PDB file of N, CA and C in Angstrom:
ATOM      1  N   UNK A   1       0.847  -1.157   0.000  1.00  0.00           N
ATOM      2  CA  UNK A   1       0.000   0.000   0.000  1.00  0.00           C
ATOM      3  C   UNK A   1       0.898   1.226   0.000  1.00  0.00           C
ATOM      4  N   UNK A   2       0.497   2.222  -0.753  1.00  0.00           N
ATOM      5  CA  UNK A   2       1.261   3.461  -0.845  1.00  0.00           C
ATOM      6  C   UNK A   2       0.326   4.605  -0.469  1.00  0.00           C
ATOM      7  N   UNK A   3       0.845   5.544   0.332  1.00  0.00           N
ATOM      8  CA  UNK A   3       0.051   6.694   0.737  1.00  0.00           C
ATOM      9  C   UNK A   3       0.586   7.924   0.028  1.00  0.00           C
ATOM     10  N   UNK A   4      -0.306   8.728  -0.524  1.00  0.00           N
ATOM     11  CA  UNK A   4       0.070   9.928  -1.257  1.00  0.00           C
ATOM     12  C   UNK A   4      -0.627  11.132  -0.657  1.00  0.00           C
ATOM     13  N   UNK A   5       0.081  12.284  -0.687  1.00  0.00           N
ATOM     14  CA  UNK A   5      -0.512  13.526  -0.215  1.00  0.00           C
ATOM     15  C   UNK A   5       0.163  14.671  -0.950  1.00  0.00           C
ATOM     16  N   UNK A   6      -0.577  15.753  -1.192  1.00  0.00           N
ATOM     17  CA  UNK A   6      -0.042  16.904  -1.900  1.00  0.00           C
ATOM     18  C   UNK A   6      -0.453  18.187  -1.184  1.00  0.00           C
ATOM     19  N   UNK A   7       0.392  19.222  -1.292  1.00  0.00           N
ATOM     20  CA  UNK A   7       0.072  20.533  -0.717  1.00  0.00           C
ATOM     21  C   UNK A   7      -0.870  21.320  -1.621  1.00  0.00           C
ATOM     22  N   UNK A   8      -0.897  20.955  -2.900  1.00  0.00           N
ATOM     23  CA  UNK A   8      -1.707  21.670  -3.885  1.00  0.00           C
ATOM     24  C   UNK A   8      -2.479  20.656  -4.725  1.00  0.00           C
ATOM     25  N   UNK A   9      -3.427  21.146  -5.489  1.00  0.00           N
ATOM     26  CA  UNK A   9      -4.179  20.274  -6.385  1.00  0.00           C
ATOM     27  C   UNK A   9      -3.234  19.701  -7.433  1.00  0.00           C
ATOM     28  N   UNK A  10      -3.337  18.421  -7.668  1.00  0.00           N
ATOM     29  CA  UNK A  10      -2.529  17.752  -8.697  1.00  0.00           C
ATOM     30  C   UNK A  10      -3.503  17.068  -9.661  1.00  0.00           C
ATOM     31  N   UNK A  11      -3.408  17.429 -10.934  1.00  0.00           N
ATOM     32  CA  UNK A  11      -4.333  16.923 -11.944  1.00  0.00           C
ATOM     33  C   UNK A  11      -3.741  15.706 -12.638  1.00  0.00           C
ATOM     34  N   UNK A  12      -4.528  14.692 -12.814  1.00  0.00           N
ATOM     35  CA  UNK A  12      -4.203  13.463 -13.529  1.00  0.00           C
ATOM     36  C   UNK A  12      -2.923  12.808 -12.992  1.00  0.00           C
ATOM     37  N   UNK A  13      -2.949  12.445 -11.730  1.00  0.00           N
ATOM     38  CA  UNK A  13      -1.822  11.769 -11.077  1.00  0.00           C
ATOM     39  C   UNK A  13      -1.750  10.334 -11.592  1.00  0.00           C
ATOM     40  N   UNK A  14      -0.579   9.941 -12.077  1.00  0.00           N
ATOM     41  CA  UNK A  14      -0.374   8.592 -12.606  1.00  0.00           C
ATOM     42  C   UNK A  14       0.661   7.870 -11.752  1.00  0.00           C
ATOM     43  N   UNK A  15       0.392   6.629 -11.434  1.00  0.00           N
ATOM     44  CA  UNK A  15       1.324   5.786 -10.696  1.00  0.00           C
ATOM     45  C   UNK A  15       1.972   4.819 -11.673  1.00  0.00           C
ATOM     46  N   UNK A  16       3.245   4.527 -11.455  1.00  0.00           N
ATOM     47  CA  UNK A  16       3.998   3.641 -12.347  1.00  0.00           C
ATOM     48  C   UNK A  16       4.551   2.484 -11.532  1.00  0.00           C
ATOM     49  N   UNK A  17       4.255   1.280 -11.969  1.00  0.00           N
ATOM     50  CA  UNK A  17       4.721   0.094 -11.240  1.00  0.00           C
ATOM     51  C   UNK A  17       6.080  -0.389 -11.728  1.00  0.00           C
ATOM     52  N   UNK A  18       6.713   0.380 -12.597  1.00  0.00           N
ATOM     53  CA  UNK A  18       8.032  -0.004 -13.090  1.00  0.00           C
ATOM     54  C   UNK A  18       7.979  -1.307 -13.856  1.00  0.00           C
ATOM     55  N   UNK A  19       8.832  -2.237 -13.493  1.00  0.00           N
ATOM     56  CA  UNK A  19       8.928  -3.514 -14.209  1.00  0.00           C
ATOM     57  C   UNK A  19       7.857  -4.516 -13.783  1.00  0.00           C
ATOM     58  N   UNK A  20       7.092  -4.176 -12.740  1.00  0.00           N
ATOM     59  CA  UNK A  20       6.098  -5.122 -12.236  1.00  0.00           C
ATOM     60  C   UNK A  20       4.818  -5.067 -13.053  1.00  0.00           C
ATOM     61  N   UNK A  21       4.270  -6.223 -13.352  1.00  0.00           N
ATOM     62  CA  UNK A  21       3.003  -6.286 -14.072  1.00  0.00           C
ATOM     63  C   UNK A  21       1.871  -6.381 -13.068  1.00  0.00           C
ATOM     64  N   UNK A  22       0.878  -5.533 -13.223  1.00  0.00           N
ATOM     65  CA  UNK A  22      -0.254  -5.516 -12.321  1.00  0.00           C
ATOM     66  C   UNK A  22      -1.005  -4.212 -12.467  1.00  0.00           C
ATOM     67  N   UNK A  23      -1.796  -3.875 -11.459  1.00  0.00           N
ATOM     68  CA  UNK A  23      -2.600  -2.660 -11.542  1.00  0.00           C
ATOM     69  C   UNK A  23      -2.817  -2.050 -10.161  1.00  0.00           C
ATOM     70  N   UNK A  24      -3.101  -0.732 -10.161  1.00  0.00           N
ATOM     71  CA  UNK A  24      -3.435   0.002  -8.947  1.00  0.00           C
ATOM     72  C   UNK A  24      -4.950   0.094  -8.824  1.00  0.00           C
ATOM     73  N   UNK A  25      -5.443   0.241  -7.595  1.00  0.00           N
ATOM     74  CA  UNK A  25      -6.882   0.368  -7.402  1.00  0.00           C
ATOM     75  C   UNK A  25      -7.419   1.663  -7.995  1.00  0.00           C
ATOM     76  N   UNK A  26      -6.551   2.653  -8.231  1.00  0.00           N
ATOM     77  CA  UNK A  26      -6.936   3.912  -8.863  1.00  0.00           C
ATOM     78  C   UNK A  26      -5.710   4.453  -9.582  1.00  0.00           C
ATOM     79  N   UNK A  27      -5.920   5.136 -10.696  1.00  0.00           N
ATOM     80  CA  UNK A  27      -4.817   5.720 -11.450  1.00  0.00           C
ATOM     81  C   UNK A  27      -5.393   6.784 -12.372  1.00  0.00           C
ATOM     82  N   UNK A  28      -4.606   7.816 -12.666  1.00  0.00           N
ATOM     83  CA  UNK A  28      -5.083   8.905 -13.505  1.00  0.00           C
ATOM     84  C   UNK A  28      -6.181   9.689 -12.788  1.00  0.00           C
ATOM     85  N   UNK A  29      -5.900  10.156 -11.590  1.00  0.00           N
ATOM     86  CA  UNK A  29      -6.930  10.778 -10.763  1.00  0.00           C
ATOM     87  C   UNK A  29      -6.526  12.179 -10.323  1.00  0.00           C
ATOM     88  N   UNK A  30      -7.485  12.936  -9.824  1.00  0.00           N
ATOM     89  CA  UNK A  30      -7.281  14.275  -9.298  1.00  0.00           C
ATOM     90  C   UNK A  30      -6.981  14.175  -7.806  1.00  0.00           C
ATOM     91  N   UNK A  31      -5.879  14.797  -7.382  1.00  0.00           N
ATOM     92  CA  UNK A  31      -5.547  14.843  -5.954  1.00  0.00           C
ATOM     93  C   UNK A  31      -5.909  16.218  -5.410  1.00  0.00           C
ATOM     94  N   UNK A  32      -6.687  16.218  -4.348  1.00  0.00           N
ATOM     95  CA  UNK A  32      -7.028  17.465  -3.668  1.00  0.00           C
ATOM     96  C   UNK A  32      -6.003  17.739  -2.574  1.00  0.00           C
ATOM     97  N   UNK A  33      -5.735  19.024  -2.298  1.00  0.00           N
ATOM     98  CA  UNK A  33      -4.731  19.365  -1.292  1.00  0.00           C
ATOM     99  C   UNK A  33      -5.077  18.833   0.094  1.00  0.00           C
ATOM    100  N   UNK A  34      -4.037  18.411   0.795  1.00  0.00           N
ATOM    101  CA  UNK A  34      -4.116  17.980   2.196  1.00  0.00           C
ATOM    102  C   UNK A  34      -5.030  16.782   2.435  1.00  0.00           C
ATOM    103  N   UNK A  35      -5.299  16.012   1.420  1.00  0.00           N
ATOM    104  CA  UNK A  35      -6.062  14.774   1.569  1.00  0.00           C
ATOM    105  C   UNK A  35      -5.098  13.608   1.354  1.00  0.00           C
ATOM    106  N   UNK A  36      -5.179  12.594   2.196  1.00  0.00           N
ATOM    107  CA  UNK A  36      -4.315  11.421   2.062  1.00  0.00           C
ATOM    108  C   UNK A  36      -5.032  10.383   1.208  1.00  0.00           C
ATOM    109  N   UNK A  37      -4.331   9.893   0.189  1.00  0.00           N
ATOM    110  CA  UNK A  37      -4.868   8.873  -0.707  1.00  0.00           C
ATOM    111  C   UNK A  37      -4.134   7.565  -0.453  1.00  0.00           C
ATOM    112  N   UNK A  38      -4.875   6.510  -0.337  1.00  0.00           N
ATOM    113  CA  UNK A  38      -4.315   5.184  -0.104  1.00  0.00           C
ATOM    114  C   UNK A  38      -4.429   4.378  -1.394  1.00  0.00           C
ATOM    115  N   UNK A  39      -3.290   3.954  -1.931  1.00  0.00           N
ATOM    116  CA  UNK A  39      -3.266   3.199  -3.180  1.00  0.00           C
ATOM    117  C   UNK A  39      -2.816   1.771  -2.922  1.00  0.00           C
ATOM    118  N   UNK A  40      -3.476   0.841  -3.556  1.00  0.00           N
ATOM    119  CA  UNK A  40      -3.122  -0.570  -3.444  1.00  0.00           C
ATOM    120  C   UNK A  40      -2.713  -1.081  -4.814  1.00  0.00           C
ATOM    121  N   UNK A  41      -1.589  -1.784  -4.868  1.00  0.00           N
ATOM    122  CA  UNK A  41      -1.106  -2.385  -6.112  1.00  0.00           C
ATOM    123  C   UNK A  41      -1.353  -3.883  -6.053  1.00  0.00           C
ATOM    124  N   UNK A  42      -1.974  -4.407  -7.095  1.00  0.00           N
ATOM    125  CA  UNK A  42      -2.197  -5.847  -7.218  1.00  0.00           C
ATOM    126  C   UNK A  42      -1.295  -6.362  -8.324  1.00  0.00           C
ATOM    127  N   UNK A  43      -0.368  -7.233  -7.969  1.00  0.00           N
ATOM    128  CA  UNK A  43       0.605  -7.766  -8.924  1.00  0.00           C
ATOM    129  C   UNK A  43       0.083  -9.041  -9.570  1.00  0.00           C
ATOM    130  N   UNK A  44       0.411  -9.213 -10.845  1.00  0.00           N
ATOM    131  CA  UNK A  44       0.042 -10.435 -11.566  1.00  0.00           C
ATOM    132  C   UNK A  44       1.087 -11.531 -11.361  1.00  0.00           C
ATOM    133  N   UNK A  45       2.211 -11.173 -10.717  1.00  0.00           N
ATOM    134  CA  UNK A  45       3.271 -12.138 -10.423  1.00  0.00           C
ATOM    135  C   UNK A  45       3.689 -11.963  -8.965  1.00  0.00           C
ATOM    136  N   UNK A  46       4.514 -12.860  -8.456  1.00  0.00           N
ATOM    137  CA  UNK A  46       5.004 -12.750  -7.083  1.00  0.00           C
ATOM    138  C   UNK A  46       6.028 -11.624  -6.979  1.00  0.00           C
ATOM    139  N   UNK A  47       5.775 -10.679  -6.071  1.00  0.00           N
ATOM    140  CA  UNK A  47       6.670  -9.545  -5.843  1.00  0.00           C
ATOM    141  C   UNK A  47       6.756  -9.334  -4.334  1.00  0.00           C
ATOM    142  N   UNK A  48       7.977  -9.158  -3.827  1.00  0.00           N
ATOM    143  CA  UNK A  48       8.119  -8.893  -2.393  1.00  0.00           C
ATOM    144  C   UNK A  48       7.692  -7.453  -2.103  1.00  0.00           C
ATOM    145  N   UNK A  49       7.246  -7.209  -0.896  1.00  0.00           N
ATOM    146  CA  UNK A  49       6.849  -5.866  -0.485  1.00  0.00           C
ATOM    147  C   UNK A  49       8.034  -4.920  -0.602  1.00  0.00           C
ATOM    148  N   UNK A  50       9.215  -5.393  -0.236  1.00  0.00           N
ATOM    149  CA  UNK A  50      10.427  -4.565  -0.308  1.00  0.00           C
ATOM    150  C   UNK A  50      10.715  -4.133  -1.745  1.00  0.00           C
ATOM    151  N   UNK A  51      10.667  -5.057  -2.698  1.00  0.00           N
ATOM    152  CA  UNK A  51      10.910  -4.717  -4.103  1.00  0.00           C
ATOM    153  C   UNK A  51       9.852  -3.752  -4.635  1.00  0.00           C
ATOM    154  N   UNK A  52       8.614  -3.987  -4.296  1.00  0.00           N
ATOM    155  CA  UNK A  52       7.533  -3.116  -4.759  1.00  0.00           C
ATOM    156  C   UNK A  52       7.708  -1.706  -4.204  1.00  0.00           C
ATOM    157  N   UNK A  53       8.022  -1.586  -2.929  1.00  0.00           N
ATOM    158  CA  UNK A  53       8.197  -0.282  -2.291  1.00  0.00           C
ATOM    159  C   UNK A  53       9.336   0.505  -2.936  1.00  0.00           C
ATOM    160  N   UNK A  54      10.407  -0.156  -3.301  1.00  0.00           N
ATOM    161  CA  UNK A  54      11.563   0.505  -3.914  1.00  0.00           C
ATOM    162  C   UNK A  54      11.274   0.954  -5.346  1.00  0.00           C
ATOM    163  N   UNK A  55      10.427   0.231  -6.068  1.00  0.00           N
ATOM    164  CA  UNK A  55      10.283   0.452  -7.501  1.00  0.00           C
ATOM    165  C   UNK A  55       9.024   1.181  -7.947  1.00  0.00           C
ATOM    166  N   UNK A  56       7.994   1.194  -7.149  1.00  0.00           N
ATOM    167  CA  UNK A  56       6.761   1.866  -7.560  1.00  0.00           C
ATOM    168  C   UNK A  56       6.931   3.364  -7.367  1.00  0.00           C
ATOM    169  N   UNK A  57       6.633   4.131  -8.424  1.00  0.00           N
ATOM    170  CA  UNK A  57       6.842   5.576  -8.407  1.00  0.00           C
ATOM    171  C   UNK A  57       5.547   6.309  -8.716  1.00  0.00           C
ATOM    172  N   UNK A  58       5.511   7.559  -8.269  1.00  0.00           N
ATOM    173  CA  UNK A  58       4.369   8.421  -8.546  1.00  0.00           C
ATOM    174  C   UNK A  58       4.724   9.348  -9.682  1.00  0.00           C
TER     175      UNK A  58
END
């Protein structure tokens, strides 16, 4: 799970899973200021939490 927050409005926020194949519960969304967003990545292959945390980018 990844938590995101912004000081200002961010339009069309995209998450990138890098080399991992899978999907996020939300992507391409509007972020409102000072709101915490919780994102979940579902992998189509086995990936350790450590590897996912290092490689998933906003």
